[in-house]
N, C-alpha and C. Protein backbone atom coordinates (compact mmCIF):
# COMPACT_ATOMS: atom_id res chain seq x y z
N MET A 1 11.91 -65.86 25.40
CA MET A 1 11.57 -66.21 26.76
C MET A 1 12.61 -67.16 27.35
N TYR A 2 13.05 -68.12 26.52
CA TYR A 2 14.05 -69.07 27.01
C TYR A 2 15.36 -68.36 27.34
N ARG A 3 15.74 -67.35 26.53
CA ARG A 3 16.96 -66.59 26.81
C ARG A 3 16.87 -65.93 28.19
N PHE A 4 15.74 -65.36 28.46
CA PHE A 4 15.53 -64.69 29.74
C PHE A 4 15.71 -65.67 30.89
N ILE A 5 15.16 -66.85 30.76
CA ILE A 5 15.25 -67.87 31.82
C ILE A 5 16.70 -68.33 31.97
N ILE A 6 17.42 -68.50 30.86
CA ILE A 6 18.82 -68.93 30.92
C ILE A 6 19.67 -67.87 31.61
N VAL A 7 19.47 -66.60 31.26
CA VAL A 7 20.21 -65.51 31.88
C VAL A 7 19.88 -65.44 33.37
N LEU A 8 18.63 -65.61 33.71
CA LEU A 8 18.20 -65.58 35.11
C LEU A 8 18.86 -66.70 35.91
N VAL A 9 18.93 -67.90 35.34
CA VAL A 9 19.55 -69.05 36.01
C VAL A 9 21.06 -68.80 36.18
N LEU A 10 21.72 -68.26 35.16
CA LEU A 10 23.15 -67.95 35.26
C LEU A 10 23.42 -66.90 36.35
N CYS A 11 22.60 -65.87 36.39
CA CYS A 11 22.76 -64.84 37.42
C CYS A 11 22.57 -65.43 38.81
N ALA A 12 21.57 -66.28 38.96
CA ALA A 12 21.32 -66.92 40.25
C ALA A 12 22.49 -67.81 40.65
N ALA A 13 23.14 -68.45 39.69
CA ALA A 13 24.27 -69.33 39.99
C ALA A 13 25.52 -68.53 40.35
N ILE A 14 25.70 -67.37 39.73
CA ILE A 14 26.90 -66.56 39.95
C ILE A 14 26.77 -65.69 41.20
N ALA A 15 25.57 -65.27 41.55
CA ALA A 15 25.35 -64.34 42.66
C ALA A 15 26.04 -64.74 43.96
N PRO A 16 25.98 -66.00 44.41
CA PRO A 16 26.66 -66.34 45.67
C PRO A 16 28.18 -66.29 45.57
N ILE A 17 28.72 -66.38 44.38
CA ILE A 17 30.18 -66.41 44.20
C ILE A 17 30.78 -65.01 44.26
N VAL A 18 30.05 -63.99 43.83
CA VAL A 18 30.58 -62.62 43.74
C VAL A 18 31.07 -62.11 45.10
N PRO A 19 30.31 -62.22 46.20
CA PRO A 19 30.83 -61.72 47.48
C PRO A 19 32.11 -62.44 47.91
N LEU A 20 32.22 -63.73 47.63
CA LEU A 20 33.43 -64.47 47.98
C LEU A 20 34.63 -63.96 47.18
N TRP A 21 34.41 -63.68 45.91
CA TRP A 21 35.48 -63.17 45.06
C TRP A 21 35.93 -61.78 45.54
N VAL A 22 34.97 -60.90 45.88
CA VAL A 22 35.29 -59.55 46.36
C VAL A 22 36.09 -59.64 47.66
N GLU A 23 35.67 -60.52 48.58
CA GLU A 23 36.40 -60.69 49.84
C GLU A 23 37.82 -61.18 49.58
N HIS A 24 37.98 -62.09 48.65
CA HIS A 24 39.31 -62.61 48.30
C HIS A 24 40.19 -61.47 47.76
N GLN A 25 39.63 -60.64 46.89
CA GLN A 25 40.39 -59.51 46.34
C GLN A 25 40.81 -58.54 47.44
N ASN A 26 39.89 -58.25 48.37
CA ASN A 26 40.21 -57.35 49.47
C ASN A 26 41.31 -57.92 50.36
N ASN A 27 41.27 -59.22 50.60
CA ASN A 27 42.31 -59.86 51.40
C ASN A 27 43.67 -59.76 50.72
N GLN A 28 43.69 -59.95 49.40
CA GLN A 28 44.95 -59.84 48.66
C GLN A 28 45.51 -58.43 48.74
N THR A 29 44.64 -57.42 48.61
CA THR A 29 45.06 -56.03 48.70
C THR A 29 45.61 -55.73 50.09
N SER A 30 44.93 -56.22 51.13
CA SER A 30 45.40 -56.00 52.51
C SER A 30 46.75 -56.63 52.74
N LYS A 31 46.96 -57.83 52.21
CA LYS A 31 48.25 -58.51 52.38
C LYS A 31 49.36 -57.73 51.68
N THR A 32 49.06 -57.21 50.49
CA THR A 32 50.06 -56.43 49.75
C THR A 32 50.40 -55.16 50.51
N ALA A 33 49.38 -54.46 51.02
CA ALA A 33 49.62 -53.23 51.78
C ALA A 33 50.41 -53.52 53.04
N ALA A 34 50.08 -54.61 53.72
CA ALA A 34 50.81 -54.97 54.94
C ALA A 34 52.26 -55.30 54.62
N ALA A 35 52.50 -55.99 53.52
CA ALA A 35 53.86 -56.33 53.13
C ALA A 35 54.66 -55.07 52.83
N THR A 36 54.03 -54.11 52.15
CA THR A 36 54.71 -52.85 51.84
C THR A 36 55.03 -52.09 53.11
N THR A 37 54.07 -52.01 54.03
CA THR A 37 54.29 -51.32 55.29
C THR A 37 55.39 -52.00 56.09
N ASN A 38 55.35 -53.33 56.16
CA ASN A 38 56.38 -54.05 56.91
C ASN A 38 57.76 -53.83 56.30
N ALA A 39 57.84 -53.87 54.98
CA ALA A 39 59.13 -53.67 54.32
C ALA A 39 59.66 -52.28 54.64
N SER A 40 58.78 -51.28 54.62
CA SER A 40 59.20 -49.92 54.91
C SER A 40 59.66 -49.78 56.36
N SER A 41 58.91 -50.40 57.31
CA SER A 41 59.31 -50.28 58.71
C SER A 41 60.53 -51.13 59.01
N GLU A 42 60.70 -52.26 58.33
CA GLU A 42 61.87 -53.10 58.56
C GLU A 42 63.15 -52.41 58.11
N THR A 43 63.07 -51.66 57.03
CA THR A 43 64.26 -50.97 56.52
C THR A 43 64.47 -49.64 57.24
N GLY A 44 63.49 -49.20 58.02
CA GLY A 44 63.60 -47.93 58.71
C GLY A 44 63.38 -46.74 57.80
N GLU A 45 62.82 -46.97 56.63
CA GLU A 45 62.56 -45.90 55.67
C GLU A 45 61.50 -44.95 56.20
N ARG A 46 61.73 -43.68 55.97
CA ARG A 46 60.72 -42.67 56.26
C ARG A 46 60.35 -42.02 54.94
N ARG A 47 59.05 -41.89 54.71
CA ARG A 47 58.57 -41.33 53.46
C ARG A 47 57.66 -40.14 53.74
N HIS A 48 57.69 -39.19 52.83
CA HIS A 48 56.76 -38.06 52.89
C HIS A 48 56.30 -37.76 51.47
N ARG A 49 54.98 -37.74 51.28
CA ARG A 49 54.39 -37.49 49.96
C ARG A 49 53.90 -36.05 49.87
N ILE A 50 54.17 -35.43 48.73
CA ILE A 50 53.72 -34.07 48.47
C ILE A 50 53.03 -34.06 47.12
N SER A 51 51.78 -33.65 47.10
CA SER A 51 51.04 -33.56 45.84
C SER A 51 51.32 -32.21 45.20
N ALA A 52 51.39 -32.21 43.88
CA ALA A 52 51.61 -30.96 43.14
C ALA A 52 50.38 -30.06 43.30
N ASN A 53 50.62 -28.76 43.38
CA ASN A 53 49.50 -27.83 43.43
C ASN A 53 48.99 -27.58 42.02
N ARG A 54 48.06 -26.68 41.87
CA ARG A 54 47.45 -26.42 40.55
C ARG A 54 48.45 -25.92 39.52
N SER A 55 49.53 -25.33 40.00
CA SER A 55 50.58 -24.84 39.09
C SER A 55 51.61 -25.91 38.79
N GLY A 56 51.43 -27.10 39.37
CA GLY A 56 52.38 -28.19 39.15
C GLY A 56 53.60 -28.12 40.05
N GLN A 57 53.55 -27.24 41.06
CA GLN A 57 54.67 -27.09 41.98
C GLN A 57 54.42 -27.90 43.25
N PHE A 58 55.50 -28.29 43.90
CA PHE A 58 55.42 -29.05 45.14
C PHE A 58 55.73 -28.11 46.30
N VAL A 59 54.70 -27.81 47.07
CA VAL A 59 54.82 -26.91 48.22
C VAL A 59 54.53 -27.72 49.48
N ALA A 60 55.39 -27.58 50.48
CA ALA A 60 55.25 -28.40 51.70
C ALA A 60 55.42 -27.54 52.95
N ASP A 61 54.78 -27.99 54.02
CA ASP A 61 54.99 -27.40 55.33
C ASP A 61 56.24 -28.04 55.93
N VAL A 62 57.22 -27.22 56.25
CA VAL A 62 58.51 -27.70 56.72
C VAL A 62 58.84 -27.00 58.04
N HIS A 63 59.35 -27.74 58.99
CA HIS A 63 59.81 -27.15 60.25
C HIS A 63 61.31 -26.86 60.12
N LEU A 64 61.65 -25.59 60.27
CA LEU A 64 63.04 -25.15 60.22
C LEU A 64 63.43 -24.74 61.64
N ASN A 65 64.34 -25.47 62.24
CA ASN A 65 64.73 -25.18 63.63
C ASN A 65 63.51 -25.05 64.53
N GLY A 66 62.49 -25.86 64.27
CA GLY A 66 61.29 -25.87 65.10
C GLY A 66 60.20 -24.91 64.68
N HIS A 67 60.42 -24.10 63.66
CA HIS A 67 59.42 -23.14 63.20
C HIS A 67 58.86 -23.59 61.85
N MET A 68 57.54 -23.66 61.75
CA MET A 68 56.91 -24.15 60.52
C MET A 68 56.84 -23.04 59.47
N HIS A 69 57.25 -23.40 58.25
CA HIS A 69 57.16 -22.49 57.11
C HIS A 69 56.78 -23.28 55.87
N GLU A 70 56.07 -22.64 54.99
CA GLU A 70 55.75 -23.24 53.70
C GLU A 70 56.97 -23.06 52.80
N MET A 71 57.39 -24.16 52.14
CA MET A 71 58.55 -24.10 51.25
C MET A 71 58.20 -24.70 49.90
N LEU A 72 58.80 -24.17 48.87
CA LEU A 72 58.68 -24.71 47.53
C LEU A 72 59.82 -25.71 47.34
N VAL A 73 59.47 -26.97 47.07
CA VAL A 73 60.49 -27.98 46.81
C VAL A 73 60.95 -27.79 45.37
N ASP A 74 62.22 -27.48 45.20
CA ASP A 74 62.74 -27.12 43.88
C ASP A 74 63.98 -27.97 43.57
N THR A 75 63.76 -29.03 42.78
CA THR A 75 64.88 -29.92 42.42
C THR A 75 65.86 -29.23 41.48
N GLY A 76 65.46 -28.10 40.92
CA GLY A 76 66.35 -27.34 40.04
C GLY A 76 67.19 -26.32 40.78
N ALA A 77 66.92 -26.15 42.08
CA ALA A 77 67.70 -25.21 42.88
C ALA A 77 68.87 -25.95 43.51
N SER A 78 70.07 -25.46 43.27
CA SER A 78 71.25 -26.15 43.81
C SER A 78 71.33 -26.02 45.33
N ALA A 79 70.69 -25.01 45.88
CA ALA A 79 70.77 -24.79 47.33
C ALA A 79 69.38 -24.62 47.93
N THR A 80 69.30 -24.83 49.22
CA THR A 80 68.12 -24.46 50.00
C THR A 80 68.29 -22.98 50.29
N VAL A 81 67.24 -22.20 50.05
CA VAL A 81 67.36 -20.75 50.12
C VAL A 81 66.23 -20.17 50.97
N LEU A 82 66.59 -19.25 51.86
CA LEU A 82 65.62 -18.59 52.73
C LEU A 82 65.62 -17.09 52.51
N PRO A 83 64.44 -16.46 52.49
CA PRO A 83 64.40 -15.00 52.56
C PRO A 83 64.92 -14.58 53.94
N VAL A 84 65.52 -13.43 54.05
CA VAL A 84 66.12 -12.99 55.31
C VAL A 84 65.08 -12.92 56.43
N SER A 85 63.84 -12.57 56.12
CA SER A 85 62.81 -12.49 57.17
C SER A 85 62.54 -13.87 57.78
N VAL A 86 62.52 -14.91 56.96
CA VAL A 86 62.33 -16.28 57.45
C VAL A 86 63.58 -16.72 58.21
N ALA A 87 64.75 -16.39 57.69
CA ALA A 87 66.00 -16.77 58.36
C ALA A 87 66.02 -16.24 59.79
N ARG A 88 65.61 -15.01 59.97
CA ARG A 88 65.61 -14.42 61.32
C ARG A 88 64.64 -15.15 62.25
N ILE A 89 63.48 -15.52 61.73
CA ILE A 89 62.49 -16.24 62.55
C ILE A 89 63.05 -17.56 63.04
N VAL A 90 63.83 -18.23 62.19
CA VAL A 90 64.36 -19.56 62.56
C VAL A 90 65.72 -19.48 63.26
N GLY A 91 66.15 -18.26 63.59
CA GLY A 91 67.37 -18.11 64.38
C GLY A 91 68.65 -17.94 63.60
N ILE A 92 68.54 -17.52 62.34
CA ILE A 92 69.73 -17.27 61.51
C ILE A 92 69.79 -15.76 61.27
N PHE A 93 70.88 -15.14 61.69
CA PHE A 93 70.99 -13.69 61.64
C PHE A 93 72.25 -13.26 60.87
N PRO A 94 72.19 -13.26 59.54
CA PRO A 94 73.37 -12.81 58.79
C PRO A 94 73.54 -11.30 58.91
N ALA A 95 74.79 -10.89 59.00
CA ALA A 95 75.10 -9.45 59.02
C ALA A 95 75.02 -8.92 57.59
N ASN A 96 74.88 -7.62 57.46
CA ASN A 96 74.78 -7.01 56.13
C ASN A 96 75.99 -7.33 55.27
N ASP A 97 77.18 -7.37 55.87
CA ASP A 97 78.38 -7.64 55.07
C ASP A 97 78.56 -9.13 54.77
N ASP A 98 77.67 -10.00 55.26
CA ASP A 98 77.69 -11.43 54.90
C ASP A 98 77.11 -11.68 53.50
N PHE A 99 76.37 -10.73 52.97
CA PHE A 99 75.72 -10.90 51.67
C PHE A 99 76.72 -10.57 50.56
N LYS A 100 77.69 -11.46 50.37
CA LYS A 100 78.74 -11.22 49.37
C LYS A 100 78.85 -12.32 48.33
N LEU A 101 78.05 -13.38 48.47
CA LEU A 101 78.08 -14.49 47.51
C LEU A 101 77.15 -14.16 46.34
N ARG A 102 77.72 -14.07 45.15
CA ARG A 102 76.92 -13.74 43.96
C ARG A 102 76.06 -14.95 43.60
N VAL A 103 74.74 -14.72 43.45
CA VAL A 103 73.77 -15.79 43.23
C VAL A 103 72.90 -15.46 42.02
N SER A 104 72.74 -16.44 41.13
CA SER A 104 71.82 -16.28 39.99
C SER A 104 70.50 -16.94 40.35
N THR A 105 69.42 -16.19 40.26
CA THR A 105 68.09 -16.71 40.56
C THR A 105 67.20 -16.53 39.33
N ALA A 106 65.98 -17.03 39.44
CA ALA A 106 65.02 -16.84 38.35
C ALA A 106 64.70 -15.36 38.17
N ASN A 107 64.90 -14.56 39.23
CA ASN A 107 64.62 -13.13 39.17
C ASN A 107 65.84 -12.30 38.79
N GLY A 108 66.96 -12.95 38.52
CA GLY A 108 68.17 -12.22 38.16
C GLY A 108 69.31 -12.53 39.12
N THR A 109 70.33 -11.68 39.08
CA THR A 109 71.51 -11.88 39.93
C THR A 109 71.39 -11.02 41.18
N THR A 110 71.78 -11.60 42.31
CA THR A 110 71.73 -10.90 43.59
C THR A 110 72.88 -11.42 44.45
N TYR A 111 72.91 -11.00 45.70
CA TYR A 111 73.95 -11.46 46.62
C TYR A 111 73.30 -12.15 47.81
N GLY A 112 73.92 -13.26 48.23
CA GLY A 112 73.39 -14.04 49.34
C GLY A 112 74.43 -14.25 50.41
N ALA A 113 73.94 -14.70 51.56
CA ALA A 113 74.81 -15.03 52.69
C ALA A 113 74.71 -16.52 52.96
N ARG A 114 75.85 -17.14 53.25
CA ARG A 114 75.85 -18.56 53.59
C ARG A 114 75.29 -18.74 55.01
N ALA A 115 74.58 -19.88 55.20
CA ALA A 115 74.01 -20.18 56.51
C ALA A 115 73.89 -21.69 56.65
N VAL A 116 73.58 -22.13 57.86
CA VAL A 116 73.31 -23.55 58.12
C VAL A 116 72.01 -23.64 58.91
N ILE A 117 71.11 -24.48 58.42
CA ILE A 117 69.87 -24.77 59.14
C ILE A 117 70.16 -25.99 60.00
N ASP A 118 70.08 -25.82 61.31
CA ASP A 118 70.43 -26.93 62.22
C ASP A 118 69.50 -28.12 62.05
N ARG A 119 68.19 -27.87 62.03
CA ARG A 119 67.20 -28.97 61.94
C ARG A 119 66.14 -28.62 60.91
N LEU A 120 65.86 -29.58 60.06
CA LEU A 120 64.80 -29.43 59.06
C LEU A 120 63.94 -30.69 59.14
N GLN A 121 62.64 -30.51 59.37
CA GLN A 121 61.73 -31.64 59.47
C GLN A 121 60.59 -31.44 58.49
N ILE A 122 60.33 -32.50 57.72
CA ILE A 122 59.22 -32.50 56.78
C ILE A 122 58.51 -33.84 56.94
N GLY A 123 57.33 -33.80 57.53
CA GLY A 123 56.66 -35.06 57.87
C GLY A 123 57.49 -35.80 58.90
N ARG A 124 57.77 -37.07 58.64
CA ARG A 124 58.58 -37.89 59.54
C ARG A 124 60.07 -37.84 59.20
N ILE A 125 60.41 -37.08 58.18
CA ILE A 125 61.81 -36.98 57.74
C ILE A 125 62.52 -35.87 58.52
N ASN A 126 63.67 -36.21 59.07
CA ASN A 126 64.47 -35.26 59.85
C ASN A 126 65.85 -35.14 59.23
N LEU A 127 66.24 -33.90 58.93
CA LEU A 127 67.56 -33.64 58.37
C LEU A 127 68.29 -32.67 59.30
N ARG A 128 69.61 -32.76 59.32
CA ARG A 128 70.43 -31.92 60.19
C ARG A 128 71.50 -31.21 59.36
N ASN A 129 71.87 -30.04 59.84
CA ASN A 129 72.99 -29.27 59.28
C ASN A 129 72.88 -29.09 57.77
N ILE A 130 71.83 -28.43 57.36
CA ILE A 130 71.58 -28.18 55.94
C ILE A 130 72.24 -26.87 55.54
N GLU A 131 73.15 -26.94 54.58
CA GLU A 131 73.75 -25.72 54.04
C GLU A 131 72.67 -24.95 53.30
N ALA A 132 72.64 -23.65 53.52
CA ALA A 132 71.60 -22.82 52.90
C ALA A 132 72.18 -21.47 52.52
N LEU A 133 71.40 -20.76 51.76
CA LEU A 133 71.70 -19.37 51.42
C LEU A 133 70.57 -18.51 51.93
N VAL A 134 70.91 -17.30 52.32
CA VAL A 134 69.91 -16.31 52.74
C VAL A 134 69.96 -15.18 51.73
N LEU A 135 68.79 -14.82 51.20
CA LEU A 135 68.68 -13.71 50.25
C LEU A 135 67.79 -12.63 50.85
N GLN A 136 67.95 -11.42 50.35
CA GLN A 136 67.05 -10.35 50.76
C GLN A 136 65.62 -10.71 50.34
N ASP A 137 64.64 -10.26 51.11
CA ASP A 137 63.25 -10.60 50.82
C ASP A 137 62.82 -10.18 49.41
N SER A 138 63.39 -9.10 48.91
CA SER A 138 63.01 -8.62 47.57
C SER A 138 63.45 -9.59 46.47
N SER A 139 64.39 -10.47 46.77
CA SER A 139 64.89 -11.42 45.77
C SER A 139 64.22 -12.78 45.84
N LEU A 140 63.46 -13.04 46.91
CA LEU A 140 62.87 -14.37 47.10
C LEU A 140 61.60 -14.24 47.93
N SER A 141 60.48 -14.69 47.38
CA SER A 141 59.22 -14.55 48.10
C SER A 141 58.88 -15.76 48.97
N ILE A 142 59.31 -16.95 48.57
CA ILE A 142 59.01 -18.17 49.33
C ILE A 142 60.30 -18.97 49.49
N PRO A 143 60.53 -19.53 50.66
CA PRO A 143 61.74 -20.34 50.85
C PRO A 143 61.78 -21.52 49.89
N LEU A 144 62.97 -21.88 49.45
CA LEU A 144 63.16 -23.00 48.53
C LEU A 144 63.85 -24.16 49.24
N LEU A 145 63.28 -25.33 49.11
CA LEU A 145 63.92 -26.55 49.59
C LEU A 145 64.67 -27.12 48.39
N GLY A 146 65.96 -26.85 48.32
CA GLY A 146 66.77 -27.22 47.17
C GLY A 146 67.63 -28.44 47.41
N MET A 147 68.58 -28.63 46.53
CA MET A 147 69.39 -29.86 46.52
C MET A 147 70.31 -30.01 47.72
N THR A 148 70.67 -28.93 48.41
CA THR A 148 71.50 -29.12 49.61
C THR A 148 70.74 -29.90 50.68
N ALA A 149 69.42 -29.83 50.66
CA ALA A 149 68.60 -30.65 51.57
C ALA A 149 68.24 -31.98 50.91
N LEU A 150 67.80 -31.93 49.65
CA LEU A 150 67.34 -33.14 48.97
C LEU A 150 68.46 -34.18 48.83
N ASN A 151 69.70 -33.73 48.69
CA ASN A 151 70.83 -34.67 48.59
C ASN A 151 71.08 -35.44 49.88
N LYS A 152 70.52 -34.99 50.99
CA LYS A 152 70.67 -35.70 52.26
C LYS A 152 69.66 -36.84 52.40
N LEU A 153 68.71 -36.91 51.48
CA LEU A 153 67.74 -38.01 51.47
C LEU A 153 68.36 -39.23 50.80
N ASP A 154 67.76 -40.39 51.05
CA ASP A 154 68.18 -41.58 50.32
C ASP A 154 67.82 -41.43 48.85
N ARG A 155 66.63 -40.90 48.61
CA ARG A 155 66.20 -40.64 47.24
C ARG A 155 64.88 -39.88 47.27
N PHE A 156 64.48 -39.40 46.10
CA PHE A 156 63.15 -38.83 45.93
C PHE A 156 62.66 -39.21 44.55
N ASP A 157 61.34 -39.38 44.45
CA ASP A 157 60.74 -39.80 43.19
C ASP A 157 59.56 -38.89 42.88
N ILE A 158 59.38 -38.61 41.59
CA ILE A 158 58.23 -37.84 41.14
C ILE A 158 57.46 -38.71 40.16
N SER A 159 56.17 -38.91 40.45
CA SER A 159 55.34 -39.73 39.59
C SER A 159 53.88 -39.34 39.77
N ASN A 160 53.18 -39.20 38.67
CA ASN A 160 51.74 -38.92 38.69
C ASN A 160 51.39 -37.73 39.58
N GLY A 161 52.15 -36.67 39.49
CA GLY A 161 51.84 -35.46 40.24
C GLY A 161 52.14 -35.54 41.72
N THR A 162 52.93 -36.52 42.13
CA THR A 162 53.28 -36.67 43.54
C THR A 162 54.80 -36.79 43.68
N LEU A 163 55.34 -36.02 44.60
CA LEU A 163 56.75 -36.11 44.94
C LEU A 163 56.86 -36.91 46.23
N VAL A 164 57.67 -37.96 46.22
CA VAL A 164 57.87 -38.79 47.40
C VAL A 164 59.32 -38.61 47.86
N LEU A 165 59.47 -38.13 49.09
CA LEU A 165 60.79 -37.99 49.70
C LEU A 165 61.03 -39.22 50.55
N ILE A 166 62.22 -39.82 50.44
CA ILE A 166 62.51 -41.07 51.14
C ILE A 166 63.83 -40.93 51.89
N GLN A 167 63.77 -41.21 53.19
CA GLN A 167 64.97 -41.15 54.03
C GLN A 167 65.25 -42.52 54.61
């Protein structure tokens, strides 16, 4: 019985302190978040986060010359690559005889055409004059955001299933 009374008295003594402690913790978290936001805005950094899909791939909505397309972010791809159907939509029209650059892909060897994407926007990140390759649709099902675009960023980080692009 005495134990019960002692525990009850301790709980009664601690109860008023708990809300104050929680409020203090929330204030500390808010200050840290504000400091992070201020540091990011002071440096002019632009960030875009992409969560991995169920297959562990990073797929993002990207505006190419003002047209939105889903792209696979591929750090293993040396170039940004578009299927010819997507290239035409975004205003890139390679001629048949432009497909003379020999390209090795995950699907084998094919021929591509060199191109330049004038504007690429992903979230708040804006890139200009991205060197790209155009492949026939049979060689590529989804556009790839490769290193010719990623190298124009300040950096990118992958951690805990999230890719963070930083400009």
